[in-house]
Amino acid sequence: MAMLTIKQLSKRYDREFVFGNINLQLEQKEFLVVVGEDGCGKTTFMKLLAGLEEPSQGEIFLDNEPVYRGAPAQSDLAVVFEKSALYQDMTVYQNIAYALRLKKCAKQEIKERVEQAMDLMSVTELSGRKPKKLTEEQSQRVMLARAIAKKPKLLLLDEPFRGFGREAQKEIHQCLNDLYQKMDTIFVYATRLSPDVNRMATQILHLEEYCQEEEESA
């Protein structure tokens, strides 16, 4: 059973305090929504969980393995940010399959997982296109397809659908809810405000509550 443990997590840049003393524990199939206004550190928090930045204090564990750049636990997570970062010289199919090839999955398994992910995200007809031929919405759908094809223990979503229109957001959030019900994965979703996402939450973290540095006692 997957488990994400966050102990006394704090982050600062030189003299700039971002947030501090966050303690959380999430088990398999939980859905954490990280709520906060722009500039409160949501993306920093997600980068810490992804092992892309180091905490100033505290620890992050995925199944009792520490999460940091290059650690084994990092291969068991996937992250989708607000702006897509697809490989421009690869097709949609190749982008989704890339991580599976790195893990040396069997060819038939790669084919099945990629096709399933494309079907779930409604991008099957785009399989042969290069990223420059995609709209922003299509790119984000492909990014999510690439993430879920990995079957990660931890899926991090940093406002990936912020640029969508309201109707498109409702559709993709319903798709996300369907994925959440089907996958044995811990979901962490950062957002400013989204009633659609909040309804999926098993826990909600109001990040701004941790953005005020505690004064040292005299």
N, C-alpha and C. Protein backbone atom coordinates (compact mmCIF):
# COMPACT_ATOMS: atom_id res chain seq x y z
N MET A 1 0.84 -1.20 0.00
CA MET A 1 0.00 0.00 0.00
C MET A 1 0.87 1.25 0.00
N ALA A 2 0.64 2.15 -0.97
CA ALA A 2 1.43 3.38 -1.07
C ALA A 2 1.14 4.31 0.11
N MET A 3 2.17 5.02 0.55
CA MET A 3 2.02 5.98 1.63
C MET A 3 2.99 7.14 1.43
N LEU A 4 2.47 8.36 1.55
CA LEU A 4 3.28 9.57 1.47
C LEU A 4 3.33 10.20 2.86
N THR A 5 4.54 10.42 3.37
CA THR A 5 4.72 10.99 4.70
C THR A 5 5.55 12.27 4.59
N ILE A 6 5.01 13.35 5.15
CA ILE A 6 5.69 14.65 5.16
C ILE A 6 5.90 15.05 6.61
N LYS A 7 7.17 15.27 6.98
CA LYS A 7 7.50 15.58 8.37
C LYS A 7 8.19 16.93 8.48
N GLN A 8 7.55 17.87 9.19
CA GLN A 8 8.13 19.17 9.53
C GLN A 8 8.77 19.84 8.31
N LEU A 9 8.05 19.83 7.20
CA LEU A 9 8.58 20.36 5.94
C LEU A 9 8.59 21.88 5.95
N SER A 10 9.75 22.46 5.65
CA SER A 10 9.90 23.90 5.58
C SER A 10 10.76 24.26 4.37
N LYS A 11 10.51 25.46 3.83
CA LYS A 11 11.31 25.93 2.69
C LYS A 11 11.51 27.43 2.79
N ARG A 12 12.75 27.83 2.56
CA ARG A 12 13.09 29.25 2.45
C ARG A 12 14.17 29.41 1.39
N TYR A 13 14.23 30.58 0.79
CA TYR A 13 15.28 30.93 -0.15
C TYR A 13 16.06 32.09 0.46
N ASP A 14 17.30 31.81 0.87
CA ASP A 14 18.09 32.81 1.58
C ASP A 14 17.27 33.35 2.75
N ARG A 15 16.92 34.62 2.72
CA ARG A 15 16.15 35.18 3.83
C ARG A 15 14.65 35.15 3.61
N GLU A 16 14.22 34.66 2.45
CA GLU A 16 12.79 34.63 2.13
C GLU A 16 12.16 33.34 2.64
N PHE A 17 11.24 33.46 3.57
CA PHE A 17 10.52 32.31 4.12
C PHE A 17 9.33 32.00 3.21
N VAL A 18 9.18 30.74 2.81
CA VAL A 18 8.07 30.34 1.93
C VAL A 18 6.96 29.70 2.76
N PHE A 19 7.26 28.61 3.43
CA PHE A 19 6.30 27.97 4.34
C PHE A 19 7.08 27.08 5.30
N GLY A 20 6.40 26.66 6.37
CA GLY A 20 7.12 25.86 7.35
C GLY A 20 6.25 24.94 8.18
N ASN A 21 6.89 23.90 8.71
CA ASN A 21 6.31 22.97 9.66
C ASN A 21 5.03 22.29 9.14
N ILE A 22 5.12 21.77 7.92
CA ILE A 22 3.99 21.02 7.35
C ILE A 22 4.17 19.54 7.68
N ASN A 23 3.15 18.96 8.29
CA ASN A 23 3.15 17.53 8.62
C ASN A 23 1.89 16.90 8.04
N LEU A 24 2.09 15.87 7.22
CA LEU A 24 0.97 15.20 6.57
C LEU A 24 1.27 13.73 6.39
N GLN A 25 0.22 12.93 6.34
CA GLN A 25 0.37 11.53 5.94
C GLN A 25 -0.80 11.17 5.04
N LEU A 26 -0.49 10.65 3.87
CA LEU A 26 -1.50 10.24 2.90
C LEU A 26 -1.30 8.77 2.56
N GLU A 27 -2.39 8.04 2.50
CA GLU A 27 -2.33 6.63 2.15
C GLU A 27 -2.87 6.41 0.74
N GLN A 28 -2.68 5.21 0.25
CA GLN A 28 -3.10 4.85 -1.10
C GLN A 28 -4.55 5.26 -1.35
N LYS A 29 -4.79 5.83 -2.54
CA LYS A 29 -6.11 6.28 -2.99
C LYS A 29 -6.64 7.47 -2.22
N GLU A 30 -5.76 8.24 -1.57
CA GLU A 30 -6.19 9.51 -1.00
C GLU A 30 -5.99 10.62 -2.02
N PHE A 31 -6.73 11.70 -1.84
CA PHE A 31 -6.68 12.83 -2.77
C PHE A 31 -6.50 14.11 -1.93
N LEU A 32 -5.29 14.67 -1.98
CA LEU A 32 -4.99 15.91 -1.26
C LEU A 32 -5.12 17.10 -2.20
N VAL A 33 -5.89 18.08 -1.79
CA VAL A 33 -5.98 19.34 -2.53
C VAL A 33 -5.20 20.39 -1.76
N VAL A 34 -4.22 21.01 -2.44
CA VAL A 34 -3.39 22.07 -1.85
C VAL A 34 -3.93 23.40 -2.35
N VAL A 35 -4.52 24.18 -1.45
CA VAL A 35 -5.21 25.41 -1.83
C VAL A 35 -4.37 26.62 -1.41
N GLY A 36 -4.31 27.62 -2.30
CA GLY A 36 -3.60 28.85 -1.95
C GLY A 36 -3.59 29.82 -3.11
N GLU A 37 -3.48 31.12 -2.78
CA GLU A 37 -3.41 32.14 -3.80
C GLU A 37 -2.05 32.09 -4.51
N ASP A 38 -1.96 32.78 -5.63
CA ASP A 38 -0.69 32.86 -6.35
C ASP A 38 0.39 33.44 -5.44
N GLY A 39 1.58 32.83 -5.51
CA GLY A 39 2.70 33.35 -4.74
C GLY A 39 2.84 32.78 -3.35
N CYS A 40 1.94 31.88 -2.95
CA CYS A 40 2.02 31.35 -1.58
C CYS A 40 2.91 30.10 -1.49
N GLY A 41 3.42 29.63 -2.63
CA GLY A 41 4.37 28.52 -2.58
C GLY A 41 3.85 27.18 -3.05
N LYS A 42 2.71 27.17 -3.77
CA LYS A 42 2.13 25.90 -4.21
C LYS A 42 3.09 25.13 -5.12
N THR A 43 3.66 25.82 -6.11
CA THR A 43 4.58 25.14 -7.04
C THR A 43 5.83 24.69 -6.31
N THR A 44 6.34 25.48 -5.38
CA THR A 44 7.50 25.07 -4.59
C THR A 44 7.18 23.81 -3.80
N PHE A 45 6.01 23.76 -3.19
CA PHE A 45 5.59 22.59 -2.43
C PHE A 45 5.56 21.35 -3.34
N MET A 46 5.01 21.51 -4.54
CA MET A 46 4.91 20.38 -5.46
C MET A 46 6.31 19.94 -5.93
N LYS A 47 7.21 20.89 -6.15
CA LYS A 47 8.57 20.54 -6.56
C LYS A 47 9.30 19.77 -5.46
N LEU A 48 9.02 20.13 -4.22
CA LEU A 48 9.61 19.40 -3.10
C LEU A 48 9.10 17.96 -3.07
N LEU A 49 7.80 17.79 -3.27
CA LEU A 49 7.23 16.44 -3.27
C LEU A 49 7.77 15.62 -4.44
N ALA A 50 8.09 16.29 -5.54
CA ALA A 50 8.61 15.60 -6.72
C ALA A 50 10.10 15.32 -6.64
N GLY A 51 10.75 15.86 -5.60
CA GLY A 51 12.19 15.68 -5.48
C GLY A 51 13.00 16.59 -6.38
N LEU A 52 12.36 17.65 -6.91
CA LEU A 52 13.04 18.57 -7.82
C LEU A 52 13.73 19.70 -7.07
N GLU A 53 13.34 19.90 -5.81
CA GLU A 53 14.01 20.86 -4.93
C GLU A 53 14.23 20.20 -3.58
N GLU A 54 15.18 20.72 -2.82
CA GLU A 54 15.46 20.18 -1.50
C GLU A 54 14.79 21.04 -0.43
N PRO A 55 14.23 20.42 0.58
CA PRO A 55 13.64 21.20 1.68
C PRO A 55 14.72 21.89 2.50
N SER A 56 14.37 23.01 3.09
CA SER A 56 15.28 23.67 4.02
C SER A 56 15.30 22.93 5.34
N GLN A 57 14.20 22.28 5.64
CA GLN A 57 14.08 21.48 6.85
C GLN A 57 12.98 20.45 6.63
N GLY A 58 13.10 19.32 7.27
CA GLY A 58 12.06 18.31 7.19
C GLY A 58 12.38 17.21 6.20
N GLU A 59 11.46 16.25 6.10
CA GLU A 59 11.68 15.07 5.27
C GLU A 59 10.40 14.68 4.55
N ILE A 60 10.56 14.03 3.38
CA ILE A 60 9.45 13.52 2.58
C ILE A 60 9.76 12.06 2.26
N PHE A 61 8.80 11.18 2.52
CA PHE A 61 8.99 9.76 2.25
C PHE A 61 7.83 9.23 1.41
N LEU A 62 8.15 8.42 0.43
CA LEU A 62 7.16 7.68 -0.33
C LEU A 62 7.42 6.20 -0.08
N ASP A 63 6.50 5.56 0.61
CA ASP A 63 6.69 4.17 1.02
C ASP A 63 8.00 3.98 1.79
N ASN A 64 8.24 4.88 2.74
CA ASN A 64 9.41 4.83 3.62
C ASN A 64 10.74 5.06 2.90
N GLU A 65 10.68 5.43 1.60
CA GLU A 65 11.90 5.79 0.87
C GLU A 65 11.95 7.32 0.76
N PRO A 66 13.10 7.94 1.09
CA PRO A 66 13.19 9.39 0.98
C PRO A 66 13.07 9.85 -0.47
N VAL A 67 12.37 10.98 -0.67
CA VAL A 67 12.19 11.54 -2.00
C VAL A 67 13.20 12.68 -2.20
N TYR A 68 14.07 12.53 -3.16
CA TYR A 68 14.98 13.59 -3.58
C TYR A 68 15.45 13.24 -4.98
N ARG A 69 16.06 14.20 -5.66
CA ARG A 69 16.46 14.00 -7.05
C ARG A 69 17.35 12.77 -7.21
N GLY A 70 16.93 11.86 -8.08
CA GLY A 70 17.72 10.67 -8.35
C GLY A 70 17.46 9.51 -7.42
N ALA A 71 16.65 9.71 -6.37
CA ALA A 71 16.36 8.62 -5.44
C ALA A 71 15.39 7.62 -6.08
N PRO A 72 15.45 6.34 -5.67
CA PRO A 72 14.54 5.34 -6.24
C PRO A 72 13.07 5.74 -6.13
N ALA A 73 12.69 6.39 -5.03
CA ALA A 73 11.29 6.77 -4.84
C ALA A 73 10.81 7.72 -5.93
N GLN A 74 11.73 8.49 -6.52
CA GLN A 74 11.33 9.47 -7.53
C GLN A 74 10.77 8.80 -8.78
N SER A 75 11.18 7.57 -9.04
CA SER A 75 10.69 6.86 -10.22
C SER A 75 9.25 6.37 -10.03
N ASP A 76 8.76 6.42 -8.79
CA ASP A 76 7.41 5.96 -8.50
C ASP A 76 6.40 7.10 -8.46
N LEU A 77 6.80 8.28 -8.92
CA LEU A 77 5.88 9.40 -8.94
C LEU A 77 5.86 10.04 -10.32
N ALA A 78 4.81 10.81 -10.57
CA ALA A 78 4.69 11.55 -11.83
C ALA A 78 4.15 12.93 -11.50
N VAL A 79 4.53 13.93 -12.29
CA VAL A 79 4.12 15.29 -12.03
C VAL A 79 3.70 15.97 -13.32
N VAL A 80 2.62 16.75 -13.24
CA VAL A 80 2.15 17.54 -14.37
C VAL A 80 2.02 18.99 -13.89
N PHE A 81 2.80 19.88 -14.51
CA PHE A 81 2.77 21.29 -14.14
C PHE A 81 1.79 22.07 -15.03
N GLU A 82 1.65 23.38 -14.74
CA GLU A 82 0.71 24.21 -15.49
C GLU A 82 1.09 24.30 -16.96
N LYS A 83 2.39 24.39 -17.24
CA LYS A 83 2.86 24.47 -18.61
C LYS A 83 3.42 23.12 -19.04
N SER A 84 2.99 22.64 -20.18
CA SER A 84 3.43 21.32 -20.62
C SER A 84 4.90 21.34 -21.01
N ALA A 85 5.53 20.20 -20.87
CA ALA A 85 6.94 20.07 -21.22
C ALA A 85 7.14 18.77 -22.00
N LEU A 86 6.46 18.70 -23.14
CA LEU A 86 6.57 17.52 -23.98
C LEU A 86 7.86 17.57 -24.80
N TYR A 87 8.36 16.41 -25.19
CA TYR A 87 9.54 16.34 -26.04
C TYR A 87 9.13 16.72 -27.46
N GLN A 88 9.70 17.82 -27.95
CA GLN A 88 9.23 18.39 -29.21
C GLN A 88 9.54 17.53 -30.43
N ASP A 89 10.56 16.68 -30.34
CA ASP A 89 10.94 15.86 -31.50
C ASP A 89 10.26 14.50 -31.49
N MET A 90 9.37 14.27 -30.53
CA MET A 90 8.65 13.00 -30.43
C MET A 90 7.18 13.19 -30.73
N THR A 91 6.53 12.14 -31.22
CA THR A 91 5.09 12.16 -31.39
C THR A 91 4.41 12.02 -30.03
N VAL A 92 3.09 12.20 -30.03
CA VAL A 92 2.31 12.01 -28.81
C VAL A 92 2.53 10.61 -28.26
N TYR A 93 2.45 9.61 -29.12
CA TYR A 93 2.64 8.22 -28.69
C TYR A 93 4.03 8.05 -28.07
N GLN A 94 5.05 8.57 -28.73
CA GLN A 94 6.42 8.42 -28.25
C GLN A 94 6.62 9.14 -26.92
N ASN A 95 5.99 10.31 -26.77
CA ASN A 95 6.09 11.05 -25.50
C ASN A 95 5.52 10.23 -24.35
N ILE A 96 4.37 9.62 -24.57
CA ILE A 96 3.72 8.85 -23.50
C ILE A 96 4.51 7.59 -23.19
N ALA A 97 5.12 7.01 -24.22
CA ALA A 97 5.85 5.74 -24.05
C ALA A 97 7.25 5.92 -23.48
N TYR A 98 7.76 7.14 -23.50
CA TYR A 98 9.19 7.36 -23.21
C TYR A 98 9.60 6.83 -21.84
N ALA A 99 8.87 7.19 -20.80
CA ALA A 99 9.23 6.77 -19.44
C ALA A 99 9.15 5.25 -19.30
N LEU A 100 8.22 4.64 -19.99
CA LEU A 100 8.07 3.19 -19.92
C LEU A 100 9.26 2.50 -20.59
N ARG A 101 9.76 3.10 -21.66
CA ARG A 101 10.94 2.54 -22.31
C ARG A 101 12.17 2.67 -21.42
N LEU A 102 12.26 3.77 -20.71
CA LEU A 102 13.38 3.95 -19.79
C LEU A 102 13.34 2.88 -18.69
N LYS A 103 12.14 2.50 -18.29
CA LYS A 103 11.98 1.47 -17.26
C LYS A 103 12.13 0.06 -17.83
N LYS A 104 12.37 0.00 -19.16
CA LYS A 104 12.57 -1.27 -19.86
C LYS A 104 11.36 -2.20 -19.75
N CYS A 105 10.17 -1.61 -19.85
CA CYS A 105 8.96 -2.41 -19.90
C CYS A 105 8.91 -3.17 -21.23
N ALA A 106 8.23 -4.29 -21.24
CA ALA A 106 8.09 -5.08 -22.47
C ALA A 106 7.30 -4.30 -23.52
N LYS A 107 7.62 -4.53 -24.79
CA LYS A 107 6.99 -3.78 -25.88
C LYS A 107 5.47 -3.87 -25.84
N GLN A 108 4.94 -5.07 -25.61
CA GLN A 108 3.49 -5.25 -25.58
C GLN A 108 2.88 -4.50 -24.40
N GLU A 109 3.55 -4.51 -23.26
CA GLU A 109 3.06 -3.76 -22.10
C GLU A 109 3.04 -2.27 -22.37
N ILE A 110 4.11 -1.77 -23.01
CA ILE A 110 4.16 -0.35 -23.37
C ILE A 110 2.99 0.00 -24.28
N LYS A 111 2.77 -0.81 -25.29
CA LYS A 111 1.68 -0.55 -26.24
C LYS A 111 0.34 -0.51 -25.52
N GLU A 112 0.09 -1.47 -24.66
CA GLU A 112 -1.19 -1.54 -23.96
C GLU A 112 -1.37 -0.35 -23.02
N ARG A 113 -0.32 0.01 -22.28
CA ARG A 113 -0.44 1.11 -21.32
C ARG A 113 -0.57 2.46 -22.01
N VAL A 114 0.14 2.64 -23.11
CA VAL A 114 0.04 3.90 -23.86
C VAL A 114 -1.34 4.03 -24.48
N GLU A 115 -1.82 2.97 -25.11
CA GLU A 115 -3.14 3.03 -25.74
C GLU A 115 -4.24 3.25 -24.72
N GLN A 116 -4.12 2.62 -23.56
CA GLN A 116 -5.12 2.82 -22.50
C GLN A 116 -5.09 4.26 -22.01
N ALA A 117 -3.90 4.81 -21.79
CA ALA A 117 -3.78 6.19 -21.30
C ALA A 117 -4.32 7.19 -22.33
N MET A 118 -4.03 6.96 -23.61
CA MET A 118 -4.54 7.85 -24.66
C MET A 118 -6.06 7.78 -24.72
N ASP A 119 -6.61 6.60 -24.56
CA ASP A 119 -8.07 6.44 -24.59
C ASP A 119 -8.71 7.15 -23.41
N LEU A 120 -8.13 7.00 -22.22
CA LEU A 120 -8.68 7.64 -21.02
C LEU A 120 -8.68 9.16 -21.14
N MET A 121 -7.66 9.71 -21.80
CA MET A 121 -7.54 11.16 -21.93
C MET A 121 -8.05 11.69 -23.26
N SER A 122 -8.67 10.82 -24.06
CA SER A 122 -9.28 11.21 -25.34
C SER A 122 -8.29 11.89 -26.29
N VAL A 123 -7.10 11.29 -26.41
CA VAL A 123 -6.09 11.84 -27.32
C VAL A 123 -5.60 10.78 -28.32
N THR A 124 -6.34 9.70 -28.46
CA THR A 124 -5.91 8.62 -29.35
C THR A 124 -5.69 9.11 -30.77
N GLU A 125 -6.58 9.99 -31.24
CA GLU A 125 -6.47 10.48 -32.62
C GLU A 125 -5.26 11.40 -32.83
N LEU A 126 -4.61 11.79 -31.73
CA LEU A 126 -3.44 12.67 -31.82
C LEU A 126 -2.13 11.90 -31.75
N SER A 127 -2.18 10.58 -31.72
CA SER A 127 -0.99 9.77 -31.41
C SER A 127 0.20 10.05 -32.32
N GLY A 128 -0.04 10.40 -33.57
CA GLY A 128 1.07 10.61 -34.50
C GLY A 128 1.52 12.05 -34.63
N ARG A 129 0.90 12.96 -33.90
CA ARG A 129 1.25 14.38 -34.01
C ARG A 129 2.44 14.74 -33.15
N LYS A 130 3.15 15.79 -33.57
CA LYS A 130 4.22 16.37 -32.76
C LYS A 130 3.61 17.48 -31.89
N PRO A 131 4.24 17.81 -30.77
CA PRO A 131 3.69 18.80 -29.84
C PRO A 131 3.35 20.16 -30.47
N LYS A 132 4.11 20.59 -31.46
CA LYS A 132 3.85 21.91 -32.05
C LYS A 132 2.50 21.95 -32.79
N LYS A 133 1.94 20.78 -33.05
CA LYS A 133 0.65 20.70 -33.73
C LYS A 133 -0.52 20.58 -32.75
N LEU A 134 -0.23 20.68 -31.46
CA LEU A 134 -1.26 20.52 -30.43
C LEU A 134 -1.69 21.86 -29.86
N THR A 135 -2.95 21.94 -29.43
CA THR A 135 -3.40 23.09 -28.67
C THR A 135 -2.91 22.96 -27.23
N GLU A 136 -3.05 24.01 -26.44
CA GLU A 136 -2.65 23.96 -25.03
C GLU A 136 -3.43 22.88 -24.29
N GLU A 137 -4.72 22.81 -24.56
CA GLU A 137 -5.54 21.80 -23.88
C GLU A 137 -5.11 20.39 -24.28
N GLN A 138 -4.85 20.18 -25.56
CA GLN A 138 -4.40 18.86 -26.01
C GLN A 138 -3.06 18.49 -25.40
N SER A 139 -2.16 19.46 -25.30
CA SER A 139 -0.85 19.20 -24.70
C SER A 139 -0.97 18.76 -23.25
N GLN A 140 -1.85 19.41 -22.50
CA GLN A 140 -2.03 19.05 -21.10
C GLN A 140 -2.68 17.67 -20.95
N ARG A 141 -3.56 17.35 -21.86
CA ARG A 141 -4.15 16.02 -21.85
C ARG A 141 -3.09 14.95 -22.11
N VAL A 142 -2.18 15.24 -23.04
CA VAL A 142 -1.09 14.31 -23.33
C VAL A 142 -0.15 14.19 -22.13
N MET A 143 0.11 15.31 -21.47
CA MET A 143 0.96 15.28 -20.27
C MET A 143 0.36 14.38 -19.20
N LEU A 144 -0.96 14.48 -19.01
CA LEU A 144 -1.61 13.65 -18.01
C LEU A 144 -1.62 12.19 -18.45
N ALA A 145 -1.81 11.95 -19.74
CA ALA A 145 -1.75 10.58 -20.27
C ALA A 145 -0.37 9.98 -20.02
N ARG A 146 0.68 10.78 -20.23
CA ARG A 146 2.04 10.30 -19.99
C ARG A 146 2.25 9.97 -18.52
N ALA A 147 1.66 10.78 -17.65
CA ALA A 147 1.81 10.55 -16.21
C ALA A 147 1.10 9.28 -15.77
N ILE A 148 -0.13 9.09 -16.22
CA ILE A 148 -0.88 7.94 -15.72
C ILE A 148 -0.40 6.63 -16.35
N ALA A 149 0.22 6.71 -17.54
CA ALA A 149 0.77 5.50 -18.16
C ALA A 149 1.86 4.88 -17.29
N LYS A 150 2.53 5.70 -16.47
CA LYS A 150 3.56 5.20 -15.56
C LYS A 150 2.97 4.39 -14.40
N LYS A 151 1.65 4.54 -14.17
CA LYS A 151 0.99 3.94 -13.02
C LYS A 151 1.75 4.30 -11.74
N PRO A 152 1.89 5.60 -11.49
CA PRO A 152 2.69 6.03 -10.34
C PRO A 152 2.00 5.79 -9.01
N LYS A 153 2.80 5.67 -7.96
CA LYS A 153 2.23 5.61 -6.61
C LYS A 153 1.75 6.98 -6.17
N LEU A 154 2.40 8.03 -6.71
CA LEU A 154 2.08 9.41 -6.35
C LEU A 154 1.96 10.24 -7.62
N LEU A 155 0.81 10.90 -7.81
CA LEU A 155 0.58 11.76 -8.98
C LEU A 155 0.40 13.19 -8.50
N LEU A 156 1.29 14.08 -8.95
CA LEU A 156 1.29 15.48 -8.54
C LEU A 156 0.77 16.34 -9.69
N LEU A 157 -0.23 17.17 -9.39
CA LEU A 157 -0.87 18.00 -10.41
C LEU A 157 -0.84 19.45 -9.95
N ASP A 158 0.01 20.25 -10.58
CA ASP A 158 0.19 21.65 -10.18
C ASP A 158 -0.58 22.57 -11.13
N GLU A 159 -1.86 22.77 -10.84
CA GLU A 159 -2.75 23.60 -11.65
C GLU A 159 -2.60 23.32 -13.15
N PRO A 160 -2.64 22.06 -13.56
CA PRO A 160 -2.36 21.75 -14.96
C PRO A 160 -3.45 22.19 -15.94
N PHE A 161 -4.64 22.50 -15.42
CA PHE A 161 -5.74 22.85 -16.31
C PHE A 161 -6.19 24.29 -16.10
N ARG A 162 -5.31 25.10 -15.57
CA ARG A 162 -5.65 26.49 -15.25
C ARG A 162 -6.04 27.28 -16.49
N GLY A 163 -5.41 26.99 -17.62
CA GLY A 163 -5.68 27.75 -18.84
C GLY A 163 -6.92 27.29 -19.59
N PHE A 164 -7.59 26.25 -19.11
CA PHE A 164 -8.78 25.75 -19.78
C PHE A 164 -9.97 26.67 -19.53
N GLY A 165 -10.93 26.68 -20.45
CA GLY A 165 -12.20 27.35 -20.21
C GLY A 165 -13.00 26.59 -19.17
N ARG A 166 -14.06 27.21 -18.66
CA ARG A 166 -14.82 26.62 -17.57
C ARG A 166 -15.40 25.25 -17.95
N GLU A 167 -15.98 25.15 -19.14
CA GLU A 167 -16.58 23.88 -19.54
C GLU A 167 -15.52 22.80 -19.73
N ALA A 168 -14.39 23.19 -20.31
CA ALA A 168 -13.30 22.23 -20.49
C ALA A 168 -12.75 21.78 -19.14
N GLN A 169 -12.69 22.71 -18.17
CA GLN A 169 -12.23 22.35 -16.84
C GLN A 169 -13.18 21.34 -16.19
N LYS A 170 -14.47 21.57 -16.32
CA LYS A 170 -15.45 20.65 -15.74
C LYS A 170 -15.30 19.25 -16.35
N GLU A 171 -15.08 19.21 -17.66
CA GLU A 171 -14.94 17.92 -18.34
C GLU A 171 -13.68 17.19 -17.88
N ILE A 172 -12.55 17.94 -17.80
CA ILE A 172 -11.29 17.29 -17.44
C ILE A 172 -11.29 16.89 -15.96
N HIS A 173 -11.97 17.66 -15.12
CA HIS A 173 -12.05 17.30 -13.71
C HIS A 173 -12.91 16.05 -13.51
N GLN A 174 -13.95 15.89 -14.33
CA GLN A 174 -14.73 14.66 -14.27
C GLN A 174 -13.89 13.48 -14.72
N CYS A 175 -13.07 13.70 -15.76
CA CYS A 175 -12.15 12.66 -16.21
C CYS A 175 -11.15 12.33 -15.11
N LEU A 176 -10.68 13.35 -14.41
CA LEU A 176 -9.73 13.14 -13.32
C LEU A 176 -10.37 12.34 -12.19
N ASN A 177 -11.62 12.63 -11.90
CA ASN A 177 -12.32 11.88 -10.87
C ASN A 177 -12.46 10.41 -11.26
N ASP A 178 -12.73 10.16 -12.53
CA ASP A 178 -12.82 8.78 -13.01
C ASP A 178 -11.48 8.07 -12.85
N LEU A 179 -10.39 8.78 -13.18
CA LEU A 179 -9.05 8.20 -13.03
C LEU A 179 -8.77 7.88 -11.57
N TYR A 180 -9.13 8.81 -10.70
CA TYR A 180 -8.89 8.63 -9.27
C TYR A 180 -9.60 7.38 -8.74
N GLN A 181 -10.82 7.14 -9.23
CA GLN A 181 -11.57 5.98 -8.78
C GLN A 181 -10.93 4.68 -9.26
N LYS A 182 -10.27 4.72 -10.42
CA LYS A 182 -9.73 3.51 -11.03
C LYS A 182 -8.30 3.19 -10.59
N MET A 183 -7.54 4.21 -10.17
CA MET A 183 -6.11 4.02 -9.91
C MET A 183 -5.83 3.85 -8.42
N ASP A 184 -4.87 3.00 -8.10
CA ASP A 184 -4.40 2.85 -6.72
C ASP A 184 -3.26 3.82 -6.47
N THR A 185 -3.57 5.10 -6.55
CA THR A 185 -2.56 6.16 -6.57
C THR A 185 -2.93 7.24 -5.57
N ILE A 186 -1.93 7.87 -4.97
CA ILE A 186 -2.13 9.07 -4.16
C ILE A 186 -2.12 10.27 -5.10
N PHE A 187 -3.17 11.08 -5.07
CA PHE A 187 -3.26 12.28 -5.89
C PHE A 187 -3.00 13.51 -5.01
N VAL A 188 -2.18 14.43 -5.52
CA VAL A 188 -1.99 15.73 -4.86
C VAL A 188 -2.22 16.80 -5.93
N TYR A 189 -3.21 17.65 -5.71
CA TYR A 189 -3.63 18.63 -6.71
C TYR A 189 -3.53 20.03 -6.09
N ALA A 190 -2.70 20.90 -6.68
CA ALA A 190 -2.55 22.28 -6.22
C ALA A 190 -3.43 23.20 -7.06
N THR A 191 -4.15 24.10 -6.39
CA THR A 191 -5.08 24.97 -7.11
C THR A 191 -5.36 26.23 -6.29
N ARG A 192 -5.79 27.27 -6.96
CA ARG A 192 -6.24 28.47 -6.25
C ARG A 192 -7.61 28.22 -5.62
N LEU A 193 -8.55 27.83 -6.44
CA LEU A 193 -9.90 27.57 -5.95
C LEU A 193 -10.62 26.73 -7.00
N SER A 194 -11.11 25.58 -6.62
CA SER A 194 -11.80 24.72 -7.58
C SER A 194 -12.79 23.82 -6.85
N PRO A 195 -14.08 24.21 -6.82
CA PRO A 195 -15.08 23.36 -6.16
C PRO A 195 -15.11 21.95 -6.74
N ASP A 196 -14.88 21.82 -8.05
CA ASP A 196 -14.90 20.50 -8.69
C ASP A 196 -13.85 19.59 -8.04
N VAL A 197 -12.65 20.14 -7.82
CA VAL A 197 -11.56 19.34 -7.26
C VAL A 197 -11.77 19.12 -5.78
N ASN A 198 -12.24 20.14 -5.08
CA ASN A 198 -12.45 20.01 -3.63
C ASN A 198 -13.41 18.88 -3.29
N ARG A 199 -14.36 18.61 -4.17
CA ARG A 199 -15.31 17.53 -3.92
C ARG A 199 -14.63 16.16 -3.95
N MET A 200 -13.48 16.06 -4.61
CA MET A 200 -12.76 14.79 -4.67
C MET A 200 -11.85 14.61 -3.45
N ALA A 201 -11.59 15.67 -2.71
CA ALA A 201 -10.56 15.65 -1.68
C ALA A 201 -10.90 14.74 -0.51
N THR A 202 -9.88 14.01 -0.06
CA THR A 202 -9.96 13.32 1.22
C THR A 202 -9.28 14.17 2.29
N GLN A 203 -8.37 15.06 1.86
CA GLN A 203 -7.74 16.03 2.76
C GLN A 203 -7.53 17.32 1.97
N ILE A 204 -7.60 18.45 2.67
CA ILE A 204 -7.33 19.75 2.06
C ILE A 204 -6.26 20.46 2.89
N LEU A 205 -5.21 20.95 2.22
CA LEU A 205 -4.13 21.69 2.86
C LEU A 205 -4.23 23.15 2.43
N HIS A 206 -4.55 24.03 3.38
CA HIS A 206 -4.59 25.47 3.10
C HIS A 206 -3.17 26.01 3.32
N LEU A 207 -2.42 26.13 2.23
CA LEU A 207 -0.99 26.39 2.35
C LEU A 207 -0.69 27.72 3.02
N GLU A 208 -1.56 28.70 2.84
CA GLU A 208 -1.30 30.02 3.42
C GLU A 208 -1.24 29.99 4.94
N GLU A 209 -1.82 28.96 5.55
CA GLU A 209 -1.76 28.83 7.00
C GLU A 209 -0.34 28.51 7.48
N TYR A 210 0.52 28.09 6.56
CA TYR A 210 1.90 27.72 6.90
C TYR A 210 2.92 28.72 6.37
N CYS A 211 2.44 29.85 5.86
CA CYS A 211 3.32 30.82 5.22
C CYS A 211 3.82 31.91 6.15
N GLN A 212 3.36 31.90 7.39
CA GLN A 212 3.80 32.90 8.35
C GLN A 212 4.86 32.29 9.24
N GLU A 213 6.06 32.84 9.19
CA GLU A 213 7.18 32.29 9.97
C GLU A 213 6.94 32.53 11.45
N GLU A 214 7.12 31.47 12.23
CA GLU A 214 6.95 31.60 13.67
C GLU A 214 8.11 32.37 14.26
N GLU A 215 7.79 33.32 15.14
CA GLU A 215 8.83 34.09 15.78
C GLU A 215 9.51 33.27 16.87
N GLU A 216 10.81 33.41 16.93
CA GLU A 216 11.54 32.69 17.97
C GLU A 216 11.24 33.30 19.32
N SER A 217 11.06 32.44 20.29
CA SER A 217 10.77 32.94 21.64
C SER A 217 12.01 33.59 22.22
N ALA A 218 11.82 34.63 23.00
CA ALA A 218 12.95 35.37 23.57
C ALA A 218 13.65 34.53 24.63
